[in-house]
Amino acid sequence: HGKHVLIIDCDSQASQTVSLGWPQPDELPVTL
């Protein structure tokens, strides 16, 4: 609907991150 969205995954299992297309969340250069 044209809104700017920021989703922050605070879960240590990173299920949100994985579901949004990052299969290896431990390899992200910047995390929370």
PDB file of all heavy atoms in Angstrom:
ATOM      1  N   HIS A   1       0.818  -1.212   0.000  1.00  0.00           N
ATOM      2  CA  HIS A   1       0.000   0.000   0.000  1.00  0.00           C
ATOM      3  C   HIS A   1       0.855   1.266   0.000  1.00  0.00           C
ATOM      4  O   HIS A   1       0.377   2.352   0.307  1.00  0.00           O
ATOM      5  CB  HIS A   1      -0.949  -0.004   1.203  1.00  0.00           C
ATOM      6  CG  HIS A   1      -2.162  -0.828   0.982  1.00  0.00           C
ATOM      7  ND1 HIS A   1      -2.205  -2.188   1.237  1.00  0.00           N
ATOM      8  CD2 HIS A   1      -3.386  -0.494   0.507  1.00  0.00           C
ATOM      9  CE1 HIS A   1      -3.391  -2.653   0.937  1.00  0.00           C
ATOM     10  NE2 HIS A   1      -4.132  -1.641   0.489  1.00  0.00           N
ATOM     11  N   GLY A   2       2.132   1.112  -0.320  1.00  0.00           N
ATOM     12  CA  GLY A   2       3.015   2.260  -0.477  1.00  0.00           C
ATOM     13  C   GLY A   2       3.647   2.782   0.791  1.00  0.00           C
ATOM     14  O   GLY A   2       4.269   3.844   0.783  1.00  0.00           O
ATOM     15  N   LYS A   3       3.514   2.057   1.888  1.00  0.00           N
ATOM     16  CA  LYS A   3       4.127   2.495   3.149  1.00  0.00           C
ATOM     17  C   LYS A   3       5.575   2.031   3.215  1.00  0.00           C
ATOM     18  O   LYS A   3       5.939   1.006   2.648  1.00  0.00           O
ATOM     19  CB  LYS A   3       3.359   1.927   4.348  1.00  0.00           C
ATOM     20  CG  LYS A   3       1.893   2.251   4.361  1.00  0.00           C
ATOM     21  CD  LYS A   3       1.659   3.727   4.514  1.00  0.00           C
ATOM     22  CE  LYS A   3       0.162   4.017   4.575  1.00  0.00           C
ATOM     23  NZ  LYS A   3      -0.125   5.429   4.631  1.00  0.00           N
ATOM     24  N   HIS A   4       6.398   2.788   3.900  1.00  0.00           N
ATOM     25  CA  HIS A   4       7.778   2.387   4.159  1.00  0.00           C
ATOM     26  C   HIS A   4       7.762   1.511   5.409  1.00  0.00           C
ATOM     27  O   HIS A   4       7.201   1.908   6.432  1.00  0.00           O
ATOM     28  CB  HIS A   4       8.685   3.597   4.377  1.00  0.00           C
ATOM     29  CG  HIS A   4       8.819   4.447   3.160  1.00  0.00           C
ATOM     30  ND1 HIS A   4       9.710   4.176   2.160  1.00  0.00           N
ATOM     31  CD2 HIS A   4       8.146   5.551   2.781  1.00  0.00           C
ATOM     32  CE1 HIS A   4       9.598   5.086   1.220  1.00  0.00           C
ATOM     33  NE2 HIS A   4       8.650   5.941   1.570  1.00  0.00           N
ATOM     34  N   VAL A   5       8.385   0.344   5.319  1.00  0.00           N
ATOM     35  CA  VAL A   5       8.310  -0.638   6.400  1.00  0.00           C
ATOM     36  C   VAL A   5       9.715  -1.056   6.825  1.00  0.00           C
ATOM     37  O   VAL A   5      10.568  -1.316   5.987  1.00  0.00           O
ATOM     38  CB  VAL A   5       7.510  -1.885   5.939  1.00  0.00           C
ATOM     39  CG1 VAL A   5       7.490  -2.946   7.022  1.00  0.00           C
ATOM     40  CG2 VAL A   5       6.097  -1.498   5.535  1.00  0.00           C
ATOM     41  N   LEU A   6       9.939  -1.114   8.119  1.00  0.00           N
ATOM     42  CA  LEU A   6      11.165  -1.658   8.687  1.00  0.00           C
ATOM     43  C   LEU A   6      10.757  -2.745   9.664  1.00  0.00           C
ATOM     44  O   LEU A   6      10.037  -2.480  10.621  1.00  0.00           O
ATOM     45  CB  LEU A   6      11.968  -0.581   9.420  1.00  0.00           C
ATOM     46  CG  LEU A   6      13.171  -1.066  10.231  1.00  0.00           C
ATOM     47  CD1 LEU A   6      14.231  -1.667   9.313  1.00  0.00           C
ATOM     48  CD2 LEU A   6      13.746   0.077  11.049  1.00  0.00           C
ATOM     49  N   ILE A   7      11.184  -3.977   9.391  1.00  0.00           N
ATOM     50  CA  ILE A   7      10.901  -5.093  10.291  1.00  0.00           C
ATOM     51  C   ILE A   7      12.188  -5.434  11.018  1.00  0.00           C
ATOM     52  O   ILE A   7      13.209  -5.696  10.382  1.00  0.00           O
ATOM     53  CB  ILE A   7      10.360  -6.313   9.517  1.00  0.00           C
ATOM     54  CG1 ILE A   7       9.026  -5.956   8.850  1.00  0.00           C
ATOM     55  CG2 ILE A   7      10.203  -7.515  10.438  1.00  0.00           C
ATOM     56  CD1 ILE A   7       8.465  -7.045   7.973  1.00  0.00           C
ATOM     57  N   ILE A   8      12.150  -5.430  12.329  1.00  0.00           N
ATOM     58  CA  ILE A   8      13.321  -5.743  13.141  1.00  0.00           C
ATOM     59  C   ILE A   8      13.082  -7.076  13.845  1.00  0.00           C
ATOM     60  O   ILE A   8      12.111  -7.213  14.590  1.00  0.00           O
ATOM     61  CB  ILE A   8      13.607  -4.629  14.164  1.00  0.00           C
ATOM     62  CG1 ILE A   8      13.866  -3.316  13.438  1.00  0.00           C
ATOM     63  CG2 ILE A   8      14.791  -5.013  15.054  1.00  0.00           C
ATOM     64  CD1 ILE A   8      14.036  -2.129  14.346  1.00  0.00           C
ATOM     65  N   ASP A   9      13.953  -8.034  13.596  1.00  0.00           N
ATOM     66  CA  ASP A   9      13.847  -9.365  14.185  1.00  0.00           C
ATOM     67  C   ASP A   9      14.697  -9.405  15.454  1.00  0.00           C
ATOM     68  O   ASP A   9      15.920  -9.414  15.396  1.00  0.00           O
ATOM     69  CB  ASP A   9      14.329 -10.409  13.179  1.00  0.00           C
ATOM     70  CG  ASP A   9      14.111 -11.838  13.641  1.00  0.00           C
ATOM     71  OD1 ASP A   9      13.519 -12.026  14.717  1.00  0.00           O
ATOM     72  OD2 ASP A   9      14.520 -12.754  12.912  1.00  0.00           O
ATOM     73  N   CYS A  10      14.051  -9.407  16.609  1.00  0.00           N
ATOM     74  CA  CYS A  10      14.773  -9.439  17.888  1.00  0.00           C
ATOM     75  C   CYS A  10      14.903 -10.852  18.442  1.00  0.00           C
ATOM     76  O   CYS A  10      15.452 -11.040  19.527  1.00  0.00           O
ATOM     77  CB  CYS A  10      14.065  -8.561  18.908  1.00  0.00           C
ATOM     78  SG  CYS A  10      14.049  -6.821  18.467  1.00  0.00           S
ATOM     79  N   ASP A  11      14.412 -11.828  17.726  1.00  0.00           N
ATOM     80  CA  ASP A  11      14.456 -13.217  18.171  1.00  0.00           C
ATOM     81  C   ASP A  11      15.829 -13.812  17.881  1.00  0.00           C
ATOM     82  O   ASP A  11      16.348 -13.682  16.775  1.00  0.00           O
ATOM     83  CB  ASP A  11      13.369 -14.005  17.437  1.00  0.00           C
ATOM     84  CG  ASP A  11      13.250 -15.442  17.884  1.00  0.00           C
ATOM     85  OD1 ASP A  11      13.957 -15.838  18.830  1.00  0.00           O
ATOM     86  OD2 ASP A  11      12.448 -16.173  17.292  1.00  0.00           O
ATOM     87  N   SER A  12      16.414 -14.471  18.854  1.00  0.00           N
ATOM     88  CA  SER A  12      17.752 -15.057  18.668  1.00  0.00           C
ATOM     89  C   SER A  12      17.741 -16.188  17.638  1.00  0.00           C
ATOM     90  O   SER A  12      18.781 -16.525  17.070  1.00  0.00           O
ATOM     91  CB  SER A  12      18.302 -15.569  19.999  1.00  0.00           C
ATOM     92  OG  SER A  12      17.432 -16.549  20.538  1.00  0.00           O
ATOM     93  N   GLN A  13      16.584 -16.785  17.363  1.00  0.00           N
ATOM     94  CA  GLN A  13      16.498 -17.838  16.349  1.00  0.00           C
ATOM     95  C   GLN A  13      16.428 -17.269  14.936  1.00  0.00           C
ATOM     96  O   GLN A  13      16.596 -17.996  13.962  1.00  0.00           O
ATOM     97  CB  GLN A  13      15.288 -18.728  16.605  1.00  0.00           C
ATOM     98  CG  GLN A  13      15.409 -19.512  17.885  1.00  0.00           C
ATOM     99  CD  GLN A  13      14.151 -20.313  18.171  1.00  0.00           C
ATOM    100  OE1 GLN A  13      13.092 -20.042  17.638  1.00  0.00           O
ATOM    101  NE2 GLN A  13      14.298 -21.311  19.024  1.00  0.00           N
ATOM    102  N   ALA A  14      16.170 -15.991  14.799  1.00  0.00           N
ATOM    103  CA  ALA A  14      16.150 -15.276  13.518  1.00  0.00           C
ATOM    104  C   ALA A  14      15.147 -15.838  12.522  1.00  0.00           C
ATOM    105  O   ALA A  14      15.363 -15.791  11.329  1.00  0.00           O
ATOM    106  CB  ALA A  14      17.552 -15.225  12.918  1.00  0.00           C
ATOM    107  N   SER A  15      14.019 -16.356  12.998  1.00  0.00           N
ATOM    108  CA  SER A  15      13.041 -16.917  12.069  1.00  0.00           C
ATOM    109  C   SER A  15      12.461 -15.863  11.128  1.00  0.00           C
ATOM    110  O   SER A  15      12.195 -16.148   9.969  1.00  0.00           O
ATOM    111  CB  SER A  15      11.908 -17.625  12.793  1.00  0.00           C
ATOM    112  OG  SER A  15      11.823 -17.332  14.132  1.00  0.00           O
ATOM    113  N   GLN A  16      12.299 -14.651  11.618  1.00  0.00           N
ATOM    114  CA  GLN A  16      11.787 -13.559  10.769  1.00  0.00           C
ATOM    115  C   GLN A  16      12.788 -13.261   9.653  1.00  0.00           C
ATOM    116  O   GLN A  16      12.407 -13.108   8.503  1.00  0.00           O
ATOM    117  CB  GLN A  16      11.585 -12.303  11.617  1.00  0.00           C
ATOM    118  CG  GLN A  16      10.960 -11.169  10.868  1.00  0.00           C
ATOM    119  CD  GLN A  16       9.485 -11.350  10.758  1.00  0.00           C
ATOM    120  OE1 GLN A  16       8.829 -11.610  11.743  1.00  0.00           O
ATOM    121  NE2 GLN A  16       8.947 -11.225   9.586  1.00  0.00           N
ATOM    122  N   THR A  17      14.044 -13.206   9.989  1.00  0.00           N
ATOM    123  CA  THR A  17      15.091 -12.922   9.013  1.00  0.00           C
ATOM    124  C   THR A  17      15.133 -14.001   7.944  1.00  0.00           C
ATOM    125  O   THR A  17      15.226 -13.699   6.750  1.00  0.00           O
ATOM    126  CB  THR A  17      16.456 -12.813   9.733  1.00  0.00           C
ATOM    127  OG1 THR A  17      16.343 -11.836  10.765  1.00  0.00           O
ATOM    128  CG2 THR A  17      17.554 -12.415   8.785  1.00  0.00           C
ATOM    129  N   VAL A  18      15.050 -15.243   8.337  1.00  0.00           N
ATOM    130  CA  VAL A  18      15.058 -16.360   7.395  1.00  0.00           C
ATOM    131  C   VAL A  18      13.820 -16.305   6.493  1.00  0.00           C
ATOM    132  O   VAL A  18      13.920 -16.466   5.276  1.00  0.00           O
ATOM    133  CB  VAL A  18      15.144 -17.715   8.136  1.00  0.00           C
ATOM    134  CG1 VAL A  18      14.966 -18.879   7.174  1.00  0.00           C
ATOM    135  CG2 VAL A  18      16.479 -17.834   8.865  1.00  0.00           C
ATOM    136  N   SER A  19      12.665 -16.024   7.079  1.00  0.00           N
ATOM    137  CA  SER A  19      11.428 -16.003   6.281  1.00  0.00           C
ATOM    138  C   SER A  19      11.414 -14.866   5.277  1.00  0.00           C
ATOM    139  O   SER A  19      10.711 -14.929   4.277  1.00  0.00           O
ATOM    140  CB  SER A  19      10.199 -15.916   7.186  1.00  0.00           C
ATOM    141  OG  SER A  19      10.076 -14.641   7.754  1.00  0.00           O
ATOM    142  N   LEU A  20      12.212 -13.823   5.515  1.00  0.00           N
ATOM    143  CA  LEU A  20      12.290 -12.708   4.575  1.00  0.00           C
ATOM    144  C   LEU A  20      13.427 -12.861   3.566  1.00  0.00           C
ATOM    145  O   LEU A  20      13.751 -11.925   2.853  1.00  0.00           O
ATOM    146  CB  LEU A  20      12.410 -11.385   5.335  1.00  0.00           C
ATOM    147  CG  LEU A  20      11.143 -10.983   6.083  1.00  0.00           C
ATOM    148  CD1 LEU A  20      11.399  -9.779   6.974  1.00  0.00           C
ATOM    149  CD2 LEU A  20      10.012 -10.692   5.104  1.00  0.00           C
ATOM    150  N   GLY A  21      14.042 -14.057   3.516  1.00  0.00           N
ATOM    151  CA  GLY A  21      14.985 -14.326   2.435  1.00  0.00           C
ATOM    152  C   GLY A  21      16.455 -14.363   2.783  1.00  0.00           C
ATOM    153  O   GLY A  21      17.291 -14.432   1.889  1.00  0.00           O
ATOM    154  N   TRP A  22      16.820 -14.311   4.050  1.00  0.00           N
ATOM    155  CA  TRP A  22      18.232 -14.411   4.437  1.00  0.00           C
ATOM    156  C   TRP A  22      18.464 -15.784   5.057  1.00  0.00           C
ATOM    157  O   TRP A  22      18.275 -15.964   6.257  1.00  0.00           O
ATOM    158  CB  TRP A  22      18.602 -13.318   5.449  1.00  0.00           C
ATOM    159  CG  TRP A  22      18.547 -11.954   4.868  1.00  0.00           C
ATOM    160  CD1 TRP A  22      17.500 -11.093   4.911  1.00  0.00           C
ATOM    161  CD2 TRP A  22      19.572 -11.302   4.129  1.00  0.00           C
ATOM    162  NE1 TRP A  22      17.810  -9.946   4.253  1.00  0.00           N
ATOM    163  CE2 TRP A  22      19.087 -10.040   3.754  1.00  0.00           C
ATOM    164  CE3 TRP A  22      20.865 -11.663   3.747  1.00  0.00           C
ATOM    165  CZ2 TRP A  22      19.823  -9.127   3.023  1.00  0.00           C
ATOM    166  CZ3 TRP A  22      21.597 -10.752   3.015  1.00  0.00           C
ATOM    167  CH2 TRP A  22      21.093  -9.510   2.665  1.00  0.00           C
ATOM    168  N   PRO A  23      18.874 -16.787   4.262  1.00  0.00           N
ATOM    169  CA  PRO A  23      18.997 -18.152   4.774  1.00  0.00           C
ATOM    170  C   PRO A  23      20.100 -18.344   5.823  1.00  0.00           C
ATOM    171  O   PRO A  23      20.036 -19.272   6.618  1.00  0.00           O
ATOM    172  CB  PRO A  23      19.280 -18.987   3.526  1.00  0.00           C
ATOM    173  CG  PRO A  23      19.821 -18.026   2.530  1.00  0.00           C
ATOM    174  CD  PRO A  23      19.212 -16.689   2.851  1.00  0.00           C
ATOM    175  N   GLN A  24      21.089 -17.480   5.844  1.00  0.00           N
ATOM    176  CA  GLN A  24      22.190 -17.583   6.814  1.00  0.00           C
ATOM    177  C   GLN A  24      22.282 -16.291   7.635  1.00  0.00           C
ATOM    178  O   GLN A  24      23.180 -15.473   7.425  1.00  0.00           O
ATOM    179  CB  GLN A  24      23.523 -17.831   6.079  1.00  0.00           C
ATOM    180  CG  GLN A  24      23.570 -19.098   5.266  1.00  0.00           C
ATOM    181  CD  GLN A  24      23.456 -20.342   6.139  1.00  0.00           C
ATOM    182  OE1 GLN A  24      23.911 -20.351   7.269  1.00  0.00           O
ATOM    183  NE2 GLN A  24      22.818 -21.372   5.614  1.00  0.00           N
ATOM    184  N   PRO A  25      21.371 -16.081   8.585  1.00  0.00           N
ATOM    185  CA  PRO A  25      21.384 -14.813   9.327  1.00  0.00           C
ATOM    186  C   PRO A  25      22.658 -14.577  10.131  1.00  0.00           C
ATOM    187  O   PRO A  25      23.010 -13.437  10.405  1.00  0.00           O
ATOM    188  CB  PRO A  25      20.170 -14.914  10.243  1.00  0.00           C
ATOM    189  CG  PRO A  25      19.791 -16.350  10.262  1.00  0.00           C
ATOM    190  CD  PRO A  25      20.295 -16.961   8.994  1.00  0.00           C
ATOM    191  N   ASP A  26      23.385 -15.641  10.481  1.00  0.00           N
ATOM    192  CA  ASP A  26      24.645 -15.465  11.223  1.00  0.00           C
ATOM    193  C   ASP A  26      25.731 -14.826  10.368  1.00  0.00           C
ATOM    194  O   ASP A  26      26.737 -14.363  10.901  1.00  0.00           O
ATOM    195  CB  ASP A  26      25.142 -16.802  11.763  1.00  0.00           C
ATOM    196  CG  ASP A  26      24.248 -17.335  12.874  1.00  0.00           C
ATOM    197  OD1 ASP A  26      23.582 -16.522  13.532  1.00  0.00           O
ATOM    198  OD2 ASP A  26      24.211 -18.558  13.068  1.00  0.00           O
ATOM    199  N   GLU A  27      25.542 -14.786   9.055  1.00  0.00           N
ATOM    200  CA  GLU A  27      26.542 -14.222   8.150  1.00  0.00           C
ATOM    201  C   GLU A  27      26.246 -12.773   7.755  1.00  0.00           C
ATOM    202  O   GLU A  27      26.966 -12.194   6.951  1.00  0.00           O
ATOM    203  CB  GLU A  27      26.656 -15.098   6.899  1.00  0.00           C
ATOM    204  CG  GLU A  27      27.171 -16.499   7.214  1.00  0.00           C
ATOM    205  CD  GLU A  27      27.208 -17.400   5.994  1.00  0.00           C
ATOM    206  OE1 GLU A  27      26.936 -16.932   4.874  1.00  0.00           O
ATOM    207  OE2 GLU A  27      27.512 -18.597   6.167  1.00  0.00           O
ATOM    208  N   LEU A  28      25.200 -12.173   8.303  1.00  0.00           N
ATOM    209  CA  LEU A  28      24.896 -10.770   8.008  1.00  0.00           C
ATOM    210  C   LEU A  28      25.967  -9.873   8.629  1.00  0.00           C
ATOM    211  O   LEU A  28      26.364 -10.074   9.776  1.00  0.00           O
ATOM    212  CB  LEU A  28      23.524 -10.389   8.566  1.00  0.00           C
ATOM    213  CG  LEU A  28      22.327 -10.968   7.834  1.00  0.00           C
ATOM    214  CD1 LEU A  28      21.053 -10.720   8.631  1.00  0.00           C
ATOM    215  CD2 LEU A  28      22.201 -10.348   6.464  1.00  0.00           C
ATOM    216  N   PRO A  29      26.450  -8.867   7.897  1.00  0.00           N
ATOM    217  CA  PRO A  29      27.512  -8.021   8.437  1.00  0.00           C
ATOM    218  C   PRO A  29      27.057  -7.136   9.595  1.00  0.00           C
ATOM    219  O   PRO A  29      27.831  -6.835  10.486  1.00  0.00           O
ATOM    220  CB  PRO A  29      27.937  -7.177   7.238  1.00  0.00           C
ATOM    221  CG  PRO A  29      26.761  -7.194   6.313  1.00  0.00           C
ATOM    222  CD  PRO A  29      26.062  -8.497   6.545  1.00  0.00           C
ATOM    223  N   VAL A  30      25.802  -6.699   9.589  1.00  0.00           N
ATOM    224  CA  VAL A  30      25.274  -5.849  10.651  1.00  0.00           C
ATOM    225  C   VAL A  30      23.992  -6.476  11.174  1.00  0.00           C
ATOM    226  O   VAL A  30      23.098  -6.801  10.409  1.00  0.00           O
ATOM    227  CB  VAL A  30      24.982  -4.422  10.136  1.00  0.00           C
ATOM    228  CG1 VAL A  30      24.397  -3.574  11.242  1.00  0.00           C
ATOM    229  CG2 VAL A  30      26.229  -3.778   9.575  1.00  0.00           C
ATOM    230  N   THR A  31      23.926  -6.667  12.477  1.00  0.00           N
ATOM    231  CA  THR A  31      22.727  -7.201  13.115  1.00  0.00           C
ATOM    232  C   THR A  31      22.374  -6.315  14.299  1.00  0.00           C
ATOM    233  O   THR A  31      23.156  -5.449  14.705  1.00  0.00           O
ATOM    234  CB  THR A  31      22.950  -8.643  13.613  1.00  0.00           C
ATOM    235  OG1 THR A  31      23.929  -8.614  14.657  1.00  0.00           O
ATOM    236  CG2 THR A  31      23.394  -9.570  12.499  1.00  0.00           C
ATOM    237  N   LEU A  32      21.210  -6.542  14.866  1.00  0.00           N
ATOM    238  CA  LEU A  32      20.813  -5.785  16.050  1.00  0.00           C
ATOM    239  C   LEU A  32      21.820  -6.028  17.184  1.00  0.00           C
ATOM    240  O   LEU A  32      22.198  -5.106  17.900  1.00  0.00           O
ATOM    241  CB  LEU A  32      19.406  -6.203  16.485  1.00  0.00           C
ATOM    242  CG  LEU A  32      18.802  -5.467  17.661  1.00  0.00           C
ATOM    243  CD1 LEU A  32      18.735  -3.970  17.403  1.00  0.00           C
ATOM    244  CD2 LEU A  32      17.418  -6.000  17.969  1.00  0.00           C
TER     245      LEU A  32
END
